[in-house]
Amino acid sequence: MRDLKYILQDEFIGLKAKVVKCTNKSCVGLSGTVIDETKNTFKILCRNGSEKILIKENCIFHFTLPDKTIVEIDGKALVGRPEDRIKRIVRRRW
């Protein structure tokens, strides 16, 4: 099981993702498996077999973890190269 405290530093390829909010209304509701990630985008394999490229900054995602936990993450927090994001320390101020 993954520690939710470090979810922003985790790997997203292979997770189920769903777009719950987006500036592009045609993207809302898209769901599928993350198959690729770049600095600014996710490539999602949809259930019908098509591949969609989504801009991280414009979307809010629901990710389903392997233990069936669903987490909501604003794409703005995910912008950056995946390998750099994994190394980055996230500082939280409560």
Protein backbone atom coordinates (compact mmCIF):
# COMPACT_ATOMS: atom_id res chain seq x y z
CA MET A 1 0.00 0.00 0.00
CA ARG A 2 1.23 3.46 -0.82
CA ASP A 3 1.55 6.17 1.81
CA LEU A 4 -0.86 8.95 0.87
CA LYS A 5 1.49 11.48 2.42
CA TYR A 6 3.90 10.91 -0.48
CA ILE A 7 1.36 10.47 -3.28
CA LEU A 8 2.65 13.49 -5.25
CA GLN A 9 6.08 11.88 -5.44
CA ASP A 10 4.69 8.56 -6.61
CA GLU A 11 4.59 6.95 -10.04
CA PHE A 12 1.30 7.39 -11.92
CA ILE A 13 1.89 5.14 -14.93
CA GLY A 14 -0.38 2.13 -14.62
CA LEU A 15 -2.95 3.81 -12.35
CA LYS A 16 -6.58 4.28 -13.31
CA ALA A 17 -7.37 7.98 -13.78
CA LYS A 18 -10.55 9.95 -14.28
CA VAL A 19 -10.89 13.64 -15.14
CA VAL A 20 -13.41 15.23 -12.79
CA LYS A 21 -12.85 18.88 -13.70
CA CYS A 22 -11.13 20.52 -16.65
CA THR A 23 -11.05 23.83 -18.49
CA ASN A 24 -11.78 21.83 -21.66
CA LYS A 25 -15.31 20.54 -21.04
CA SER A 26 -14.91 17.70 -23.55
CA CYS A 27 -12.27 16.12 -21.30
CA VAL A 28 -14.49 15.95 -18.20
CA GLY A 29 -15.44 12.34 -17.52
CA LEU A 30 -12.58 10.77 -19.51
CA SER A 31 -11.19 7.75 -17.71
CA GLY A 32 -8.67 5.05 -18.36
CA THR A 33 -5.18 3.86 -17.51
CA VAL A 34 -2.20 6.22 -17.49
CA ILE A 35 0.25 4.83 -20.06
CA ASP A 36 2.71 7.73 -20.37
CA GLU A 37 3.63 10.91 -18.54
CA THR A 38 5.61 13.94 -19.67
CA LYS A 39 6.36 17.25 -18.00
CA ASN A 40 2.97 18.74 -18.84
CA THR A 41 0.76 15.85 -19.99
CA PHE A 42 -0.67 12.44 -19.20
CA LYS A 43 -1.43 9.96 -21.98
CA ILE A 44 -4.45 7.87 -21.03
CA LEU A 45 -5.60 4.65 -22.69
CA CYS A 46 -9.40 4.85 -22.64
CA ARG A 47 -11.71 1.87 -22.33
CA ASN A 48 -12.63 2.04 -26.02
CA GLY A 49 -8.97 1.62 -26.99
CA SER A 50 -8.26 5.23 -27.94
CA GLU A 51 -5.40 7.23 -26.45
CA LYS A 52 -6.04 10.73 -25.11
CA ILE A 53 -3.45 13.30 -24.13
CA LEU A 54 -4.47 15.52 -21.22
CA ILE A 55 -2.79 18.71 -20.05
CA LYS A 56 -2.02 18.29 -16.33
CA GLU A 57 -2.38 21.96 -15.43
CA ASN A 58 -5.94 22.23 -16.74
CA CYS A 59 -7.42 19.18 -14.99
CA ILE A 60 -8.33 17.75 -11.62
CA PHE A 61 -7.93 13.97 -11.53
CA HIS A 62 -9.24 11.06 -9.48
CA PHE A 63 -6.61 8.32 -9.31
CA THR A 64 -7.50 4.81 -8.17
CA LEU A 65 -4.64 3.22 -6.25
CA PRO A 66 -4.02 -0.55 -6.31
CA ASP A 67 -5.79 -0.94 -2.94
CA LYS A 68 -8.91 0.69 -4.50
CA THR A 69 -8.39 3.99 -2.65
CA ILE A 70 -9.44 6.99 -4.75
CA VAL A 71 -7.45 10.20 -4.37
CA GLU A 72 -8.21 13.58 -5.94
CA ILE A 73 -5.20 15.53 -7.16
CA ASP A 74 -5.06 18.91 -8.86
CA GLY A 75 -2.97 18.61 -11.99
CA LYS A 76 -1.12 21.83 -11.13
CA ALA A 77 0.62 19.92 -8.34
CA LEU A 78 1.81 17.31 -10.86
CA VAL A 79 3.38 19.63 -13.44
CA GLY A 80 7.04 18.79 -13.91
CA ARG A 81 9.13 15.95 -15.21
CA PRO A 82 8.16 12.71 -13.49
CA GLU A 83 11.73 11.88 -12.52
CA ASP A 84 12.18 15.33 -10.93
CA ARG A 85 8.82 15.20 -9.16
CA ILE A 86 9.74 11.89 -7.55
CA LYS A 87 12.91 13.47 -6.11
CA ARG A 88 11.23 16.69 -4.99
CA ILE A 89 10.41 17.16 -1.31
CA VAL A 90 6.91 18.47 -0.84
CA ARG A 91 6.64 20.97 1.97
CA ARG A 92 3.28 21.40 3.57
CA ARG A 93 2.22 24.24 5.78
CA TRP A 94 -0.77 23.57 7.96
